[in-house]
């Protein structure tokens, strides 16, 4: 097994290789505006660090969000392209699940929350580092304060809103190393991973302006 994992659902552009036993190389850079520019060089860097060629990869793991449309699609399209080119399976994993796994909290409950912008968070509640109790959702922190009251929380969204998440701590962003390790553990246990389909949870930020007038040549 040689899994190539990547995620662009948060400001982190993160890539890792997992050989079925351990993570053998990884890279993470935080830059919310340069996902497309940074991702492929990160893949090259991780392969070089591990001394592996791309054609040695036996599977792709990609974070499916939730996340903003523009950043999320970079990782998903890259994963699909690699999968088609190499003829290997492409597996999805919820980005929040990767953060929960990296948090390494043995007993819950706890919350994972990432920054959804617009003064909202993407969030879910967990029983432990591998067991999600609720579907991912997007809400204003104040609207979920009663549901998360008193619970530990991880992720950039939790750190941004200490009034709602007073027990927030790192990790701030997801790491592909955690995604790869979680995927490898699930695959080894015979679990089926989600399809690589995006969890947007809301409409794209970029939309056609109202009263847009279409002008066609005569």
N, C-alpha and C. Protein backbone atom coordinates (compact mmCIF):
# COMPACT_ATOMS: atom_id res chain seq x y z
N UNK A 1 0.84 -1.20 0.00
CA UNK A 1 0.00 0.00 0.00
C UNK A 1 0.88 1.25 0.00
N UNK A 2 0.53 2.19 -0.85
CA UNK A 2 1.15 3.52 -0.81
C UNK A 2 0.06 4.53 -1.12
N UNK A 3 -0.44 5.17 -0.06
CA UNK A 3 -1.52 6.14 -0.19
C UNK A 3 -0.97 7.55 -0.31
N UNK A 4 -1.48 8.28 -1.29
CA UNK A 4 -1.20 9.71 -1.42
C UNK A 4 -2.43 10.44 -0.91
N UNK A 5 -2.26 11.21 0.17
CA UNK A 5 -3.37 11.94 0.77
C UNK A 5 -3.18 13.43 0.57
N UNK A 6 -4.29 14.14 0.33
CA UNK A 6 -4.22 15.59 0.17
C UNK A 6 -5.53 16.23 0.61
N UNK A 7 -5.43 17.48 1.02
CA UNK A 7 -6.62 18.21 1.47
C UNK A 7 -6.42 19.70 1.21
N UNK A 8 -7.45 20.33 0.64
CA UNK A 8 -7.45 21.78 0.41
C UNK A 8 -8.76 22.41 0.88
N UNK A 9 -9.43 21.75 1.83
CA UNK A 9 -10.73 22.24 2.31
C UNK A 9 -10.60 23.38 3.31
N UNK A 10 -9.39 23.58 3.87
CA UNK A 10 -9.14 24.66 4.82
C UNK A 10 -8.02 25.52 4.24
N UNK A 11 -7.58 26.56 4.93
CA UNK A 11 -6.44 27.34 4.41
C UNK A 11 -5.15 26.53 4.27
N UNK A 12 -5.09 25.34 4.85
CA UNK A 12 -3.89 24.50 4.75
C UNK A 12 -3.89 23.72 3.44
N UNK A 13 -2.77 23.78 2.73
CA UNK A 13 -2.54 22.93 1.56
C UNK A 13 -1.64 21.81 2.07
N UNK A 14 -2.18 20.62 2.20
CA UNK A 14 -1.49 19.57 2.93
C UNK A 14 -1.48 18.26 2.15
N UNK A 15 -0.32 17.60 2.13
CA UNK A 15 -0.08 16.38 1.34
C UNK A 15 0.73 15.42 2.20
N UNK A 16 0.47 14.11 2.05
CA UNK A 16 1.24 13.11 2.78
C UNK A 16 1.25 11.79 2.03
N UNK A 17 2.24 10.97 2.31
CA UNK A 17 2.35 9.60 1.81
C UNK A 17 2.32 8.64 2.99
N UNK A 18 1.55 7.56 2.84
CA UNK A 18 1.45 6.54 3.89
C UNK A 18 1.69 5.17 3.26
N UNK A 19 2.58 4.39 3.85
CA UNK A 19 2.94 3.10 3.25
C UNK A 19 2.16 1.92 3.80
N UNK A 20 1.07 2.21 4.52
CA UNK A 20 0.27 1.14 5.11
C UNK A 20 0.63 0.88 6.55
N UNK A 21 1.81 1.36 6.95
CA UNK A 21 2.25 1.23 8.34
C UNK A 21 2.41 2.57 9.01
N UNK A 22 2.96 3.53 8.27
CA UNK A 22 3.23 4.83 8.86
C UNK A 22 3.29 5.90 7.76
N UNK A 23 3.19 7.15 8.19
CA UNK A 23 3.39 8.28 7.27
C UNK A 23 4.89 8.37 6.98
N UNK A 24 5.26 8.37 5.70
CA UNK A 24 6.68 8.40 5.36
C UNK A 24 7.14 9.77 4.85
N UNK A 25 6.21 10.65 4.54
CA UNK A 25 6.56 12.02 4.15
C UNK A 25 5.30 12.86 4.20
N UNK A 26 5.46 14.15 4.53
CA UNK A 26 4.30 15.03 4.58
C UNK A 26 4.73 16.48 4.38
N UNK A 27 3.76 17.31 3.99
CA UNK A 27 4.00 18.73 3.78
C UNK A 27 2.71 19.48 4.05
N UNK A 28 2.80 20.60 4.75
CA UNK A 28 1.63 21.45 4.99
C UNK A 28 2.05 22.92 4.92
N UNK A 29 1.30 23.70 4.16
CA UNK A 29 1.48 25.15 4.07
C UNK A 29 0.13 25.81 4.24
N UNK A 30 0.09 26.89 4.97
CA UNK A 30 -1.17 27.60 5.21
C UNK A 30 -1.20 28.86 4.35
N UNK A 31 -2.08 28.86 3.36
CA UNK A 31 -2.25 30.01 2.48
C UNK A 31 -3.59 29.85 1.76
N UNK A 32 -4.61 30.54 2.25
CA UNK A 32 -5.98 30.35 1.76
C UNK A 32 -6.16 30.78 0.31
N UNK A 33 -5.22 31.55 -0.25
CA UNK A 33 -5.41 32.09 -1.60
C UNK A 33 -4.59 31.36 -2.66
N UNK A 34 -3.81 30.34 -2.28
CA UNK A 34 -2.88 29.76 -3.26
C UNK A 34 -2.96 28.23 -3.32
N UNK A 35 -4.15 27.68 -3.09
CA UNK A 35 -4.29 26.23 -3.13
C UNK A 35 -3.80 25.65 -4.46
N UNK A 36 -4.28 26.23 -5.56
CA UNK A 36 -3.92 25.70 -6.87
C UNK A 36 -2.44 25.84 -7.18
N UNK A 37 -1.83 26.88 -6.69
CA UNK A 37 -0.41 27.13 -6.95
C UNK A 37 0.49 26.23 -6.11
N UNK A 38 0.06 25.90 -4.90
CA UNK A 38 0.93 25.19 -3.96
C UNK A 38 0.77 23.67 -3.97
N UNK A 39 -0.38 23.17 -4.44
CA UNK A 39 -0.67 21.74 -4.24
C UNK A 39 0.28 20.82 -5.01
N UNK A 40 0.43 21.02 -6.31
CA UNK A 40 1.27 20.11 -7.10
C UNK A 40 2.75 20.15 -6.68
N UNK A 41 3.32 21.34 -6.42
CA UNK A 41 4.69 21.34 -5.89
C UNK A 41 4.80 20.58 -4.57
N UNK A 42 3.76 20.64 -3.74
CA UNK A 42 3.79 19.90 -2.48
C UNK A 42 3.79 18.40 -2.73
N UNK A 43 3.02 17.95 -3.72
CA UNK A 43 3.02 16.53 -4.08
C UNK A 43 4.42 16.10 -4.54
N UNK A 44 5.03 16.91 -5.41
CA UNK A 44 6.39 16.60 -5.88
C UNK A 44 7.37 16.53 -4.72
N UNK A 45 7.24 17.48 -3.78
CA UNK A 45 8.16 17.55 -2.65
C UNK A 45 8.03 16.32 -1.75
N UNK A 46 6.80 15.89 -1.51
CA UNK A 46 6.56 14.73 -0.65
C UNK A 46 7.06 13.45 -1.31
N UNK A 47 6.82 13.31 -2.60
CA UNK A 47 7.33 12.13 -3.32
C UNK A 47 8.85 12.09 -3.28
N UNK A 48 9.49 13.24 -3.49
CA UNK A 48 10.95 13.30 -3.47
C UNK A 48 11.50 12.96 -2.09
N UNK A 49 10.85 13.49 -1.05
CA UNK A 49 11.30 13.22 0.32
C UNK A 49 11.23 11.73 0.64
N UNK A 50 10.18 11.07 0.13
CA UNK A 50 9.99 9.65 0.39
C UNK A 50 10.80 8.76 -0.56
N UNK A 51 11.36 9.36 -1.61
CA UNK A 51 12.09 8.57 -2.60
C UNK A 51 11.17 7.68 -3.41
N UNK A 52 9.96 8.17 -3.71
CA UNK A 52 8.97 7.40 -4.45
C UNK A 52 8.58 8.12 -5.74
N UNK A 53 8.16 7.34 -6.72
CA UNK A 53 7.61 7.90 -7.94
C UNK A 53 6.09 7.91 -7.85
N UNK A 54 5.48 8.81 -8.59
CA UNK A 54 4.02 8.90 -8.55
C UNK A 54 3.37 7.60 -8.97
N UNK A 55 3.97 6.89 -9.93
CA UNK A 55 3.35 5.66 -10.40
C UNK A 55 3.44 4.51 -9.40
N UNK A 56 4.10 4.74 -8.24
CA UNK A 56 4.13 3.73 -7.18
C UNK A 56 2.90 3.83 -6.27
N UNK A 57 2.15 4.93 -6.38
CA UNK A 57 0.99 5.15 -5.53
C UNK A 57 -0.11 4.14 -5.87
N UNK A 58 -0.71 3.53 -4.85
CA UNK A 58 -1.76 2.53 -5.05
C UNK A 58 -3.16 3.06 -4.73
N UNK A 59 -3.24 4.25 -4.17
CA UNK A 59 -4.55 4.82 -3.86
C UNK A 59 -4.41 6.28 -3.47
N UNK A 60 -5.49 7.02 -3.69
CA UNK A 60 -5.53 8.45 -3.36
C UNK A 60 -6.56 8.66 -2.26
N UNK A 61 -6.24 9.50 -1.29
CA UNK A 61 -7.17 9.91 -0.25
C UNK A 61 -7.30 11.43 -0.30
N UNK A 62 -8.53 11.92 -0.36
CA UNK A 62 -8.72 13.36 -0.47
C UNK A 62 -9.76 13.84 0.54
N UNK A 63 -9.48 14.96 1.18
CA UNK A 63 -10.44 15.57 2.08
C UNK A 63 -11.61 16.14 1.30
N UNK A 64 -12.84 15.77 1.67
CA UNK A 64 -14.03 16.18 0.93
C UNK A 64 -14.75 17.34 1.59
N UNK A 65 -14.11 17.94 2.59
CA UNK A 65 -14.74 19.07 3.25
C UNK A 65 -15.48 18.63 4.51
N UNK A 66 -16.38 19.50 4.98
CA UNK A 66 -16.87 20.71 4.32
C UNK A 66 -15.81 21.81 4.22
N UNK A 67 -15.99 22.64 3.18
CA UNK A 67 -15.07 23.73 2.95
C UNK A 67 -15.58 24.65 1.88
N UNK A 68 -14.95 25.79 1.70
CA UNK A 68 -15.33 26.73 0.66
C UNK A 68 -15.16 26.12 -0.73
N UNK A 69 -16.02 26.48 -1.63
CA UNK A 69 -16.06 25.89 -2.96
C UNK A 69 -14.73 26.00 -3.69
N UNK A 70 -14.15 27.18 -3.72
CA UNK A 70 -12.95 27.41 -4.54
C UNK A 70 -11.78 26.56 -4.09
N UNK A 71 -11.49 26.54 -2.78
CA UNK A 71 -10.37 25.76 -2.30
C UNK A 71 -10.62 24.27 -2.38
N UNK A 72 -11.82 23.85 -2.01
CA UNK A 72 -12.13 22.43 -1.94
C UNK A 72 -12.01 21.74 -3.29
N UNK A 73 -12.46 22.41 -4.35
CA UNK A 73 -12.45 21.76 -5.66
C UNK A 73 -11.03 21.54 -6.19
N UNK A 74 -10.04 22.32 -5.72
CA UNK A 74 -8.66 22.12 -6.16
C UNK A 74 -8.18 20.72 -5.78
N UNK A 75 -8.38 20.35 -4.51
CA UNK A 75 -7.96 19.05 -4.06
C UNK A 75 -8.74 17.92 -4.71
N UNK A 76 -10.05 18.09 -4.84
CA UNK A 76 -10.88 17.04 -5.41
C UNK A 76 -10.57 16.80 -6.88
N UNK A 77 -10.40 17.86 -7.65
CA UNK A 77 -10.07 17.70 -9.06
C UNK A 77 -8.68 17.09 -9.24
N UNK A 78 -7.73 17.48 -8.40
CA UNK A 78 -6.39 16.91 -8.47
C UNK A 78 -6.42 15.43 -8.14
N UNK A 79 -7.16 15.06 -7.11
CA UNK A 79 -7.27 13.65 -6.72
C UNK A 79 -7.91 12.82 -7.84
N UNK A 80 -8.98 13.33 -8.43
CA UNK A 80 -9.63 12.62 -9.53
C UNK A 80 -8.69 12.45 -10.71
N UNK A 81 -7.93 13.49 -11.01
CA UNK A 81 -6.99 13.44 -12.13
C UNK A 81 -5.91 12.39 -11.90
N UNK A 82 -5.34 12.39 -10.69
CA UNK A 82 -4.33 11.38 -10.34
C UNK A 82 -4.92 9.97 -10.43
N UNK A 83 -6.13 9.82 -9.91
CA UNK A 83 -6.76 8.51 -9.93
C UNK A 83 -6.96 7.98 -11.33
N UNK A 84 -7.42 8.84 -12.25
CA UNK A 84 -7.63 8.44 -13.64
C UNK A 84 -6.31 8.14 -14.32
N UNK A 85 -5.32 8.99 -14.10
CA UNK A 85 -4.02 8.82 -14.76
C UNK A 85 -3.31 7.55 -14.30
N UNK A 86 -3.43 7.24 -13.02
CA UNK A 86 -2.72 6.09 -12.46
C UNK A 86 -3.54 4.81 -12.47
N UNK A 87 -4.85 4.95 -12.67
CA UNK A 87 -5.72 3.78 -12.62
C UNK A 87 -5.85 3.21 -11.21
N UNK A 88 -5.90 4.09 -10.21
CA UNK A 88 -5.99 3.66 -8.81
C UNK A 88 -7.26 4.24 -8.18
N UNK A 89 -7.76 3.64 -7.10
CA UNK A 89 -8.98 4.16 -6.46
C UNK A 89 -8.74 5.49 -5.78
N UNK A 90 -9.79 6.31 -5.75
CA UNK A 90 -9.76 7.59 -5.06
C UNK A 90 -10.78 7.52 -3.93
N UNK A 91 -10.31 7.71 -2.70
CA UNK A 91 -11.16 7.63 -1.52
C UNK A 91 -11.38 9.03 -0.93
N UNK A 92 -12.58 9.29 -0.46
CA UNK A 92 -12.86 10.53 0.23
C UNK A 92 -12.85 10.33 1.74
N UNK A 93 -12.55 11.40 2.46
CA UNK A 93 -12.70 11.41 3.91
C UNK A 93 -13.13 12.81 4.33
N UNK A 94 -14.05 12.87 5.28
CA UNK A 94 -14.48 14.16 5.80
C UNK A 94 -13.28 14.87 6.45
N UNK A 95 -13.07 16.11 6.07
CA UNK A 95 -11.97 16.90 6.61
C UNK A 95 -12.07 17.04 8.13
N UNK A 96 -13.28 17.17 8.65
CA UNK A 96 -13.47 17.26 10.10
C UNK A 96 -13.02 15.97 10.78
N UNK A 97 -13.23 14.83 10.12
CA UNK A 97 -12.79 13.55 10.69
C UNK A 97 -11.26 13.50 10.81
N UNK A 98 -10.57 14.09 9.82
CA UNK A 98 -9.12 14.14 9.89
C UNK A 98 -8.64 14.96 11.06
N UNK A 99 -9.31 16.08 11.31
CA UNK A 99 -8.96 16.91 12.46
C UNK A 99 -9.24 16.18 13.78
N UNK A 100 -10.36 15.48 13.84
CA UNK A 100 -10.69 14.73 15.05
C UNK A 100 -9.64 13.65 15.32
N UNK A 101 -9.19 12.99 14.27
CA UNK A 101 -8.19 11.93 14.42
C UNK A 101 -6.86 12.50 14.89
N UNK A 102 -6.50 13.66 14.35
CA UNK A 102 -5.24 14.30 14.74
C UNK A 102 -5.30 14.79 16.19
N UNK A 103 -6.50 15.14 16.66
CA UNK A 103 -6.63 15.62 18.03
C UNK A 103 -6.30 14.54 19.05
N UNK A 104 -6.48 13.27 18.65
CA UNK A 104 -6.10 12.14 19.49
C UNK A 104 -6.75 12.22 20.87
N UNK A 105 -8.05 12.51 20.88
CA UNK A 105 -8.80 12.54 22.14
C UNK A 105 -9.46 11.18 22.31
N UNK A 106 -9.04 10.44 23.30
CA UNK A 106 -9.49 9.07 23.46
C UNK A 106 -10.96 8.99 23.87
N UNK A 107 -11.39 9.89 24.74
CA UNK A 107 -12.77 9.85 25.22
C UNK A 107 -13.41 11.22 25.03
N UNK A 108 -14.62 11.23 24.50
CA UNK A 108 -15.33 12.46 24.25
C UNK A 108 -16.44 12.65 25.27
N UNK A 109 -17.44 13.41 24.86
CA UNK A 109 -17.56 14.00 23.53
C UNK A 109 -16.70 15.26 23.37
N UNK A 110 -16.47 15.60 22.09
CA UNK A 110 -15.79 16.85 21.79
C UNK A 110 -16.27 17.34 20.43
N UNK A 111 -15.84 18.54 20.06
CA UNK A 111 -16.31 19.19 18.83
C UNK A 111 -15.13 19.54 17.95
N UNK A 112 -15.33 19.40 16.64
CA UNK A 112 -14.38 19.93 15.65
C UNK A 112 -15.08 21.05 14.90
N UNK A 113 -14.42 22.18 14.78
CA UNK A 113 -15.02 23.33 14.07
C UNK A 113 -13.96 24.02 13.23
N UNK A 114 -14.25 24.21 11.94
CA UNK A 114 -13.36 24.95 11.06
C UNK A 114 -14.02 26.25 10.64
N UNK A 115 -13.22 27.17 10.14
CA UNK A 115 -13.73 28.49 9.77
C UNK A 115 -14.48 28.40 8.45
N UNK A 116 -15.77 28.74 8.46
CA UNK A 116 -16.59 28.73 7.26
C UNK A 116 -16.76 30.13 6.67
N UNK A 117 -16.06 31.11 7.25
CA UNK A 117 -16.21 32.52 6.85
C UNK A 117 -17.65 32.97 7.11
N UNK A 118 -17.97 34.20 6.70
CA UNK A 118 -19.31 34.76 6.94
C UNK A 118 -19.73 34.64 8.40
N UNK A 119 -18.75 34.64 9.32
CA UNK A 119 -19.01 34.52 10.76
C UNK A 119 -19.72 33.21 11.10
N UNK A 120 -19.38 32.15 10.34
CA UNK A 120 -19.94 30.82 10.58
C UNK A 120 -18.82 29.80 10.73
N UNK A 121 -19.19 28.61 11.21
CA UNK A 121 -18.23 27.50 11.32
C UNK A 121 -18.84 26.26 10.70
N UNK A 122 -17.96 25.43 10.12
CA UNK A 122 -18.31 24.05 9.79
C UNK A 122 -17.99 23.23 11.03
N UNK A 123 -18.90 22.37 11.45
CA UNK A 123 -18.66 21.68 12.71
C UNK A 123 -19.35 20.33 12.77
N UNK A 124 -18.87 19.50 13.68
CA UNK A 124 -19.51 18.22 13.99
C UNK A 124 -19.09 17.82 15.40
N UNK A 125 -19.87 16.95 15.98
CA UNK A 125 -19.61 16.47 17.35
C UNK A 125 -19.11 15.03 17.28
N UNK A 126 -18.15 14.68 18.16
CA UNK A 126 -17.50 13.37 18.13
C UNK A 126 -17.56 12.70 19.50
N UNK A 127 -17.67 11.35 19.46
CA UNK A 127 -17.60 10.57 20.69
C UNK A 127 -16.15 10.28 21.05
N UNK A 128 -15.32 10.09 20.03
CA UNK A 128 -13.89 9.88 20.21
C UNK A 128 -13.22 10.24 18.88
N UNK A 129 -11.93 9.99 18.77
CA UNK A 129 -11.18 10.47 17.60
C UNK A 129 -11.57 9.78 16.31
N UNK A 130 -12.35 8.68 16.38
CA UNK A 130 -12.76 7.98 15.17
C UNK A 130 -14.26 7.85 15.01
N UNK A 131 -15.04 8.41 15.94
CA UNK A 131 -16.49 8.22 15.91
C UNK A 131 -17.21 9.56 15.88
N UNK A 132 -17.76 9.90 14.71
CA UNK A 132 -18.53 11.15 14.58
C UNK A 132 -19.98 10.88 14.95
N UNK A 133 -20.55 11.77 15.78
CA UNK A 133 -21.91 11.60 16.27
C UNK A 133 -22.94 12.34 15.44
N UNK A 134 -22.53 13.41 14.75
CA UNK A 134 -23.48 14.23 13.99
C UNK A 134 -22.95 14.45 12.58
N UNK A 135 -23.85 14.72 11.66
CA UNK A 135 -23.44 15.09 10.31
C UNK A 135 -22.76 16.46 10.34
N UNK A 136 -21.81 16.70 9.43
CA UNK A 136 -21.23 18.04 9.34
C UNK A 136 -22.30 19.09 9.06
N UNK A 137 -22.15 20.25 9.66
CA UNK A 137 -23.14 21.32 9.50
C UNK A 137 -22.41 22.65 9.43
N UNK A 138 -23.13 23.68 8.98
CA UNK A 138 -22.59 25.04 8.98
C UNK A 138 -23.56 25.93 9.74
N UNK A 139 -23.04 26.64 10.75
CA UNK A 139 -23.89 27.47 11.60
C UNK A 139 -23.09 28.64 12.15
N UNK A 140 -23.82 29.64 12.63
CA UNK A 140 -23.19 30.70 13.41
C UNK A 140 -22.87 30.16 14.80
N UNK A 141 -21.71 30.47 15.32
CA UNK A 141 -21.33 29.93 16.63
C UNK A 141 -22.37 30.17 17.72
N UNK A 142 -22.95 31.38 17.74
CA UNK A 142 -23.91 31.68 18.80
C UNK A 142 -25.14 30.77 18.73
N UNK A 143 -25.47 30.31 17.51
CA UNK A 143 -26.66 29.47 17.35
C UNK A 143 -26.46 28.04 17.85
N UNK A 144 -25.22 27.62 18.04
CA UNK A 144 -24.97 26.25 18.51
C UNK A 144 -24.34 26.23 19.90
N UNK A 145 -24.33 27.39 20.55
CA UNK A 145 -23.66 27.51 21.84
C UNK A 145 -24.19 26.50 22.86
N UNK A 146 -25.51 26.29 22.89
CA UNK A 146 -26.08 25.35 23.85
C UNK A 146 -25.67 23.91 23.55
N UNK A 147 -25.55 23.58 22.25
CA UNK A 147 -25.20 22.21 21.86
C UNK A 147 -23.76 21.84 22.18
N UNK A 148 -22.87 22.84 22.17
CA UNK A 148 -21.44 22.56 22.37
C UNK A 148 -20.94 23.04 23.72
N UNK A 149 -21.83 23.54 24.54
CA UNK A 149 -21.43 24.13 25.83
C UNK A 149 -20.62 23.14 26.66
N UNK A 150 -19.46 23.60 27.12
CA UNK A 150 -18.63 22.81 28.02
C UNK A 150 -17.76 21.76 27.36
N UNK A 151 -17.89 21.58 26.04
CA UNK A 151 -17.14 20.52 25.36
C UNK A 151 -15.78 21.03 24.89
N UNK A 152 -14.75 20.20 24.95
CA UNK A 152 -13.49 20.54 24.29
C UNK A 152 -13.73 20.69 22.80
N UNK A 153 -12.91 21.50 22.14
CA UNK A 153 -13.07 21.72 20.71
C UNK A 153 -11.71 21.93 20.07
N UNK A 154 -11.60 21.50 18.81
CA UNK A 154 -10.37 21.71 18.05
C UNK A 154 -10.73 22.33 16.70
N UNK A 155 -9.74 22.97 16.08
CA UNK A 155 -9.94 23.55 14.76
C UNK A 155 -9.95 25.06 14.78
N UNK A 156 -9.67 25.64 13.62
CA UNK A 156 -9.58 27.10 13.50
C UNK A 156 -10.89 27.78 13.86
N UNK A 157 -12.02 27.16 13.52
CA UNK A 157 -13.32 27.75 13.84
C UNK A 157 -13.52 27.87 15.34
N UNK A 158 -13.10 26.85 16.08
CA UNK A 158 -13.23 26.90 17.53
C UNK A 158 -12.32 27.97 18.13
N UNK A 159 -11.10 28.08 17.59
CA UNK A 159 -10.16 29.07 18.11
C UNK A 159 -10.59 30.49 17.81
N UNK A 160 -11.36 30.67 16.73
CA UNK A 160 -11.83 32.01 16.37
C UNK A 160 -12.93 32.53 17.28
N UNK A 161 -13.68 31.62 17.91
CA UNK A 161 -14.86 32.04 18.67
C UNK A 161 -14.79 31.48 20.10
N UNK A 162 -13.91 32.06 20.92
CA UNK A 162 -13.72 31.55 22.28
C UNK A 162 -14.95 31.68 23.17
N UNK A 163 -15.86 32.60 22.86
CA UNK A 163 -17.07 32.71 23.67
C UNK A 163 -17.93 31.46 23.54
N UNK A 164 -17.96 30.89 22.36
CA UNK A 164 -18.74 29.66 22.13
C UNK A 164 -17.93 28.42 22.46
N UNK A 165 -16.60 28.49 22.19
CA UNK A 165 -15.72 27.33 22.39
C UNK A 165 -14.60 27.70 23.37
N UNK A 166 -14.92 27.88 24.64
CA UNK A 166 -13.88 28.32 25.59
C UNK A 166 -12.79 27.28 25.84
N UNK A 167 -13.04 26.02 25.46
CA UNK A 167 -12.04 24.97 25.68
C UNK A 167 -11.39 24.56 24.36
N UNK A 168 -11.20 25.52 23.46
CA UNK A 168 -10.62 25.24 22.15
C UNK A 168 -9.11 25.12 22.23
N UNK A 169 -8.57 24.23 21.40
CA UNK A 169 -7.12 24.07 21.33
C UNK A 169 -6.75 23.50 19.96
N UNK A 170 -5.46 23.37 19.71
CA UNK A 170 -4.98 22.84 18.44
C UNK A 170 -5.24 21.33 18.38
N UNK A 171 -5.21 20.75 17.12
CA UNK A 171 -4.74 21.34 15.87
C UNK A 171 -5.71 22.36 15.28
N UNK A 172 -5.13 23.35 14.61
CA UNK A 172 -5.93 24.41 13.99
C UNK A 172 -6.47 23.97 12.65
N UNK A 173 -5.61 23.37 11.82
CA UNK A 173 -5.99 22.93 10.48
C UNK A 173 -5.76 21.44 10.33
N UNK A 174 -6.44 20.84 9.37
CA UNK A 174 -6.27 19.42 9.09
C UNK A 174 -4.89 19.16 8.50
N UNK A 175 -4.37 17.96 8.74
CA UNK A 175 -3.12 17.55 8.10
C UNK A 175 -3.40 16.31 7.26
N UNK A 176 -2.77 16.25 6.09
CA UNK A 176 -2.92 15.08 5.23
C UNK A 176 -2.33 13.85 5.91
N UNK A 177 -1.35 14.05 6.78
CA UNK A 177 -0.78 12.92 7.52
C UNK A 177 -1.86 12.22 8.35
N UNK A 178 -2.71 13.01 9.02
CA UNK A 178 -3.79 12.42 9.81
C UNK A 178 -4.83 11.76 8.91
N UNK A 179 -5.17 12.41 7.79
CA UNK A 179 -6.11 11.81 6.84
C UNK A 179 -5.59 10.47 6.34
N UNK A 180 -4.30 10.43 5.97
CA UNK A 180 -3.71 9.21 5.44
C UNK A 180 -3.71 8.11 6.49
N UNK A 181 -3.34 8.44 7.72
CA UNK A 181 -3.30 7.44 8.79
C UNK A 181 -4.70 6.90 9.09
N UNK A 182 -5.70 7.79 9.10
CA UNK A 182 -7.08 7.37 9.35
C UNK A 182 -7.58 6.49 8.21
N UNK A 183 -7.29 6.88 6.98
CA UNK A 183 -7.73 6.09 5.83
C UNK A 183 -7.07 4.71 5.84
N UNK A 184 -5.79 4.66 6.14
CA UNK A 184 -5.07 3.38 6.17
C UNK A 184 -5.67 2.46 7.24
N UNK A 185 -5.99 3.03 8.40
CA UNK A 185 -6.59 2.23 9.47
C UNK A 185 -7.96 1.70 9.07
N UNK A 186 -8.76 2.54 8.43
CA UNK A 186 -10.09 2.13 8.01
C UNK A 186 -10.02 1.06 6.91
N UNK A 187 -9.14 1.26 5.96
CA UNK A 187 -9.01 0.28 4.88
C UNK A 187 -8.51 -1.06 5.41
N UNK A 188 -7.56 -1.02 6.34
CA UNK A 188 -7.05 -2.24 6.93
C UNK A 188 -8.13 -3.00 7.70
N UNK A 189 -9.09 -2.27 8.25
CA UNK A 189 -10.19 -2.88 8.99
C UNK A 189 -11.33 -3.31 8.08
N UNK A 190 -11.17 -3.09 6.78
CA UNK A 190 -12.21 -3.48 5.83
C UNK A 190 -13.36 -2.50 5.72
N UNK A 191 -13.18 -1.30 6.25
CA UNK A 191 -14.24 -0.30 6.18
C UNK A 191 -14.28 0.34 4.79
N UNK A 192 -15.47 0.71 4.37
CA UNK A 192 -15.65 1.40 3.09
C UNK A 192 -15.55 2.90 3.32
N UNK A 193 -14.73 3.57 2.52
CA UNK A 193 -14.56 5.01 2.66
C UNK A 193 -15.55 5.74 1.75
N UNK A 194 -15.91 6.98 2.11
CA UNK A 194 -16.85 7.74 1.29
C UNK A 194 -16.32 8.00 -0.11
N UNK A 195 -17.23 8.24 -1.03
CA UNK A 195 -16.84 8.63 -2.38
C UNK A 195 -16.21 10.03 -2.34
N UNK A 196 -15.33 10.34 -3.28
CA UNK A 196 -14.68 11.66 -3.29
C UNK A 196 -15.61 12.73 -3.87
N UNK A 197 -16.67 13.02 -3.13
CA UNK A 197 -17.64 14.03 -3.54
C UNK A 197 -17.68 15.14 -2.52
N UNK A 198 -17.71 16.39 -2.96
CA UNK A 198 -17.54 17.52 -2.03
C UNK A 198 -18.70 17.74 -1.09
N UNK A 199 -18.36 18.13 0.14
CA UNK A 199 -19.34 18.59 1.12
C UNK A 199 -19.27 20.12 1.15
N UNK A 200 -20.08 20.78 0.34
CA UNK A 200 -20.07 22.24 0.31
C UNK A 200 -20.95 22.83 1.41
N UNK A 201 -22.11 22.25 1.64
CA UNK A 201 -23.08 22.65 2.67
C UNK A 201 -23.77 23.98 2.40
N UNK A 202 -23.25 24.76 1.46
CA UNK A 202 -23.94 25.99 1.10
C UNK A 202 -23.49 26.40 -0.29
N UNK A 203 -24.14 27.41 -0.85
CA UNK A 203 -23.87 27.85 -2.22
C UNK A 203 -22.50 28.53 -2.31
N UNK A 204 -21.88 28.52 -3.50
CA UNK A 204 -20.58 29.19 -3.67
C UNK A 204 -20.65 30.67 -3.33
N UNK A 205 -19.52 31.23 -2.85
CA UNK A 205 -19.45 32.66 -2.58
C UNK A 205 -19.60 33.48 -3.85
N UNK A 206 -19.01 33.00 -4.95
CA UNK A 206 -19.07 33.72 -6.22
C UNK A 206 -20.36 33.37 -6.95
N UNK A 207 -21.19 34.38 -7.21
CA UNK A 207 -22.46 34.18 -7.89
C UNK A 207 -22.68 35.27 -8.93
N UNK A 208 -23.54 34.96 -9.91
CA UNK A 208 -23.87 35.95 -10.92
C UNK A 208 -24.66 37.08 -10.26
N UNK A 209 -24.26 38.35 -10.48
CA UNK A 209 -24.95 39.47 -9.84
C UNK A 209 -26.42 39.53 -10.23
N UNK A 210 -27.26 40.01 -9.31
CA UNK A 210 -28.68 40.20 -9.63
C UNK A 210 -28.82 41.26 -10.72
N UNK A 211 -29.87 41.13 -11.51
CA UNK A 211 -30.16 42.06 -12.62
C UNK A 211 -29.05 42.06 -13.65
N UNK A 212 -28.32 40.93 -13.75
CA UNK A 212 -27.25 40.82 -14.74
C UNK A 212 -27.86 40.80 -16.13
N UNK A 213 -27.37 41.67 -16.99
CA UNK A 213 -27.92 41.80 -18.34
C UNK A 213 -27.00 41.06 -19.33
N UNK A 214 -27.58 40.08 -20.02
CA UNK A 214 -26.83 39.31 -21.01
C UNK A 214 -26.83 40.09 -22.31
N UNK A 215 -25.64 40.33 -22.84
CA UNK A 215 -25.52 41.06 -24.09
C UNK A 215 -24.99 40.11 -25.15
N UNK A 216 -25.76 39.89 -26.17
CA UNK A 216 -25.34 39.00 -27.25
C UNK A 216 -25.18 39.80 -28.53
N UNK A 217 -24.20 39.45 -29.35
CA UNK A 217 -24.00 40.19 -30.59
C UNK A 217 -25.16 40.01 -31.56
N UNK A 218 -25.44 41.04 -32.32
CA UNK A 218 -26.53 40.96 -33.30
C UNK A 218 -26.02 40.31 -34.58
